[in-house]
Amino acid sequence: MLNALPMVMDATSFFPGLAVLATAGAMKQVDAIRTKAVSRRAALNEEMGSVAEVLSKVLVTFAGKAGETGKLYGSITTQMIADQILNKTGIKIERRQIDSQPIRVLGDHKRASALPSI
């Protein structure tokens, strides 16, 4: 016969890392994490604000062939826009952050970019 020892089950046994007793030390740790997150969030928002200010003044141009009706042979993609922004400003923007469909006609076009915010 096996010698079985009684096993005590608590919340951390079922969900490791999710439940912690609300002791004074744990509450201090939560406050420290919260304070650090607030300062990190403020720094990131300040940085993204300066990036947004730079990007609002950027003008990128593309040369391409177009037909008589003004339709481009090919299109200007979000990747092409992101590459031009990187060349002009040194700021790396992912193509997925640019809110645009490919540009297929001649003209001036404004595009929005979704910068991370917290």
C-alpha atoms as a PDB file:
ATOM      1  CA  MET A   1       0.000   0.000   0.000  1.00  0.00           C
ATOM      2  CA  LEU A   2       1.179   3.518  -0.791  1.00  0.00           C
ATOM      3  CA  ASN A   3       1.959   5.903   1.990  1.00  0.00           C
ATOM      4  CA  ALA A   4      -0.201   8.891   0.999  1.00  0.00           C
ATOM      5  CA  LEU A   5       0.395  12.289   2.526  1.00  0.00           C
ATOM      6  CA  PRO A   6      -2.406  14.809   2.729  1.00  0.00           C
ATOM      7  CA  MET A   7      -2.108  17.513   0.081  1.00  0.00           C
ATOM      8  CA  VAL A   8      -3.165  21.067   0.762  1.00  0.00           C
ATOM      9  CA  MET A   9      -4.744  22.838  -2.212  1.00  0.00           C
ATOM     10  CA  ASP A  10      -4.946  26.599  -2.442  1.00  0.00           C
ATOM     11  CA  ALA A  11      -5.742  29.104  -5.198  1.00  0.00           C
ATOM     12  CA  THR A  12      -2.141  29.203  -6.421  1.00  0.00           C
ATOM     13  CA  SER A  13      -2.215  25.433  -7.038  1.00  0.00           C
ATOM     14  CA  PHE A  14      -5.001  25.799  -9.572  1.00  0.00           C
ATOM     15  CA  PHE A  15      -3.810  29.066 -11.171  1.00  0.00           C
ATOM     16  CA  PRO A  16      -0.077  29.460 -10.625  1.00  0.00           C
ATOM     17  CA  GLY A  17       1.044  33.057 -10.814  1.00  0.00           C
ATOM     18  CA  LEU A  18      -2.486  34.470 -10.852  1.00  0.00           C
ATOM     19  CA  ALA A  19      -3.496  34.514  -7.200  1.00  0.00           C
ATOM     20  CA  VAL A  20      -1.444  35.994  -4.383  1.00  0.00           C
ATOM     21  CA  LEU A  21      -2.433  36.682  -0.822  1.00  0.00           C
ATOM     22  CA  ALA A  22      -2.999  40.376  -0.156  1.00  0.00           C
ATOM     23  CA  THR A  23      -0.276  40.797   2.422  1.00  0.00           C
ATOM     24  CA  ALA A  24       1.417  44.092   3.223  1.00  0.00           C
ATOM     25  CA  GLY A  25       4.487  43.032   1.224  1.00  0.00           C
ATOM     26  CA  ALA A  26       2.406  42.032  -1.786  1.00  0.00           C
ATOM     27  CA  MET A  27       0.533  45.347  -1.693  1.00  0.00           C
ATOM     28  CA  LYS A  28       3.860  47.238  -1.590  1.00  0.00           C
ATOM     29  CA  GLN A  29       4.990  45.246  -4.612  1.00  0.00           C
ATOM     30  CA  VAL A  30       1.775  46.057  -6.482  1.00  0.00           C
ATOM     31  CA  ASP A  31       2.207  49.768  -5.728  1.00  0.00           C
ATOM     32  CA  ALA A  32       5.822  49.663  -6.969  1.00  0.00           C
ATOM     33  CA  ILE A  33       4.770  47.922 -10.203  1.00  0.00           C
ATOM     34  CA  ARG A  34       1.933  50.414 -10.700  1.00  0.00           C
ATOM     35  CA  THR A  35       4.239  53.421 -10.119  1.00  0.00           C
ATOM     36  CA  LYS A  36       6.802  52.049 -12.564  1.00  0.00           C
ATOM     37  CA  ALA A  37       4.086  51.431 -15.186  1.00  0.00           C
ATOM     38  CA  VAL A  38       2.737  54.984 -14.825  1.00  0.00           C
ATOM     39  CA  SER A  39       6.187  56.512 -15.325  1.00  0.00           C
ATOM     40  CA  ARG A  40       6.908  54.218 -18.301  1.00  0.00           C
ATOM     41  CA  ARG A  41       3.523  55.109 -19.833  1.00  0.00           C
ATOM     42  CA  ALA A  42       4.187  58.852 -19.426  1.00  0.00           C
ATOM     43  CA  ALA A  43       7.612  58.532 -21.084  1.00  0.00           C
ATOM     44  CA  LEU A  44       6.170  56.529 -23.986  1.00  0.00           C
ATOM     45  CA  ASN A  45       3.325  59.015 -24.504  1.00  0.00           C
ATOM     46  CA  GLU A  46       5.813  61.896 -24.529  1.00  0.00           C
ATOM     47  CA  GLU A  47       7.993  60.091 -27.069  1.00  0.00           C
ATOM     48  CA  MET A  48       5.041  59.217 -29.308  1.00  0.00           C
ATOM     49  CA  GLY A  49       3.845  62.829 -29.099  1.00  0.00           C
ATOM     50  CA  SER A  50       7.168  64.047 -30.489  1.00  0.00           C
ATOM     51  CA  VAL A  51       7.082  61.351 -33.191  1.00  0.00           C
ATOM     52  CA  ALA A  52       3.543  62.387 -34.147  1.00  0.00           C
ATOM     53  CA  GLU A  53       4.657  66.021 -34.397  1.00  0.00           C
ATOM     54  CA  VAL A  54       7.498  65.077 -36.759  1.00  0.00           C
ATOM     55  CA  LEU A  55       5.266  62.825 -38.875  1.00  0.00           C
ATOM     56  CA  SER A  56       2.580  65.486 -39.237  1.00  0.00           C
ATOM     57  CA  LYS A  57       5.081  67.641 -41.154  1.00  0.00           C
ATOM     58  CA  VAL A  58       6.430  64.905 -43.448  1.00  0.00           C
ATOM     59  CA  LEU A  59       5.680  65.090 -47.164  1.00  0.00           C
ATOM     60  CA  VAL A  60       6.602  62.080 -49.300  1.00  0.00           C
ATOM     61  CA  THR A  61       6.405  61.997 -53.072  1.00  0.00           C
ATOM     62  CA  PHE A  62       6.464  59.125 -55.507  1.00  0.00           C
ATOM     63  CA  ALA A  63       7.155  59.101 -59.234  1.00  0.00           C
ATOM     64  CA  GLY A  64       5.270  56.670 -61.413  1.00  0.00           C
ATOM     65  CA  LYS A  65       3.661  56.188 -64.781  1.00  0.00           C
ATOM     66  CA  ALA A  66      -0.016  56.978 -65.201  1.00  0.00           C
ATOM     67  CA  GLY A  67      -2.571  56.717 -67.953  1.00  0.00           C
ATOM     68  CA  GLU A  68      -4.564  59.571 -69.491  1.00  0.00           C
ATOM     69  CA  THR A  69      -7.321  59.157 -66.905  1.00  0.00           C
ATOM     70  CA  GLY A  70      -4.903  59.621 -63.991  1.00  0.00           C
ATOM     71  CA  LYS A  71      -4.766  55.974 -62.961  1.00  0.00           C
ATOM     72  CA  LEU A  72      -1.322  54.689 -62.020  1.00  0.00           C
ATOM     73  CA  TYR A  73       0.247  51.687 -63.698  1.00  0.00           C
ATOM     74  CA  GLY A  74       0.782  49.808 -60.462  1.00  0.00           C
ATOM     75  CA  SER A  75       0.128  51.338 -57.056  1.00  0.00           C
ATOM     76  CA  ILE A  76       1.799  53.034 -54.107  1.00  0.00           C
ATOM     77  CA  THR A  77       1.747  50.565 -51.220  1.00  0.00           C
ATOM     78  CA  THR A  78       1.927  51.136 -47.475  1.00  0.00           C
ATOM     79  CA  GLN A  79       5.374  49.514 -47.487  1.00  0.00           C
ATOM     80  CA  MET A  80       6.589  52.114 -49.992  1.00  0.00           C
ATOM     81  CA  ILE A  81       5.194  54.879 -47.767  1.00  0.00           C
ATOM     82  CA  ALA A  82       6.869  53.399 -44.671  1.00  0.00           C
ATOM     83  CA  ASP A  83      10.211  53.156 -46.511  1.00  0.00           C
ATOM     84  CA  GLN A  84      10.001  56.802 -47.616  1.00  0.00           C
ATOM     85  CA  ILE A  85       9.194  57.918 -44.053  1.00  0.00           C
ATOM     86  CA  LEU A  86      12.205  55.973 -42.791  1.00  0.00           C
ATOM     87  CA  ASN A  87      14.453  57.585 -45.431  1.00  0.00           C
ATOM     88  CA  LYS A  88      13.229  61.121 -44.695  1.00  0.00           C
ATOM     89  CA  THR A  89      12.945  61.063 -40.894  1.00  0.00           C
ATOM     90  CA  GLY A  90      14.766  57.992 -39.610  1.00  0.00           C
ATOM     91  CA  ILE A  91      11.556  56.921 -37.849  1.00  0.00           C
ATOM     92  CA  LYS A  92      10.646  53.283 -38.444  1.00  0.00           C
ATOM     93  CA  ILE A  93       6.919  52.821 -39.023  1.00  0.00           C
ATOM     94  CA  GLU A  94       5.489  49.381 -39.686  1.00  0.00           C
ATOM     95  CA  ARG A  95       3.400  49.148 -42.853  1.00  0.00           C
ATOM     96  CA  ARG A  96       0.494  47.828 -40.778  1.00  0.00           C
ATOM     97  CA  GLN A  97       0.453  51.077 -38.786  1.00  0.00           C
ATOM     98  CA  ILE A  98      -0.380  53.105 -41.895  1.00  0.00           C
ATOM     99  CA  ASP A  99      -4.120  53.354 -42.384  1.00  0.00           C
ATOM    100  CA  SER A 100      -4.437  53.198 -46.146  1.00  0.00           C
ATOM    101  CA  GLN A 101      -5.389  51.165 -49.142  1.00  0.00           C
ATOM    102  CA  PRO A 102      -2.855  51.164 -51.983  1.00  0.00           C
ATOM    103  CA  ILE A 103      -2.914  54.454 -53.879  1.00  0.00           C
ATOM    104  CA  ARG A 104      -3.863  53.909 -57.518  1.00  0.00           C
ATOM    105  CA  VAL A 105      -4.639  57.428 -58.785  1.00  0.00           C
ATOM    106  CA  LEU A 106      -2.638  60.619 -59.164  1.00  0.00           C
ATOM    107  CA  GLY A 107      -3.078  63.421 -56.662  1.00  0.00           C
ATOM    108  CA  ASP A 108      -2.401  64.516 -53.105  1.00  0.00           C
ATOM    109  CA  HIS A 109      -3.316  61.934 -50.502  1.00  0.00           C
ATOM    110  CA  LYS A 110      -3.211  62.216 -46.708  1.00  0.00           C
ATOM    111  CA  ARG A 111      -2.743  59.058 -44.684  1.00  0.00           C
ATOM    112  CA  ALA A 112      -3.020  58.390 -40.957  1.00  0.00           C
ATOM    113  CA  SER A 113      -0.603  56.325 -38.933  1.00  0.00           C
ATOM    114  CA  ALA A 114      -1.577  54.478 -35.773  1.00  0.00           C
ATOM    115  CA  LEU A 115       1.178  55.064 -33.239  1.00  0.00           C
ATOM    116  CA  PRO A 116       1.208  52.909 -30.123  1.00  0.00           C
ATOM    117  CA  SER A 117      -0.414  54.571 -27.129  1.00  0.00           C
ATOM    118  CA  ILE A 118      -0.918  53.418 -23.595  1.00  0.00           C
END
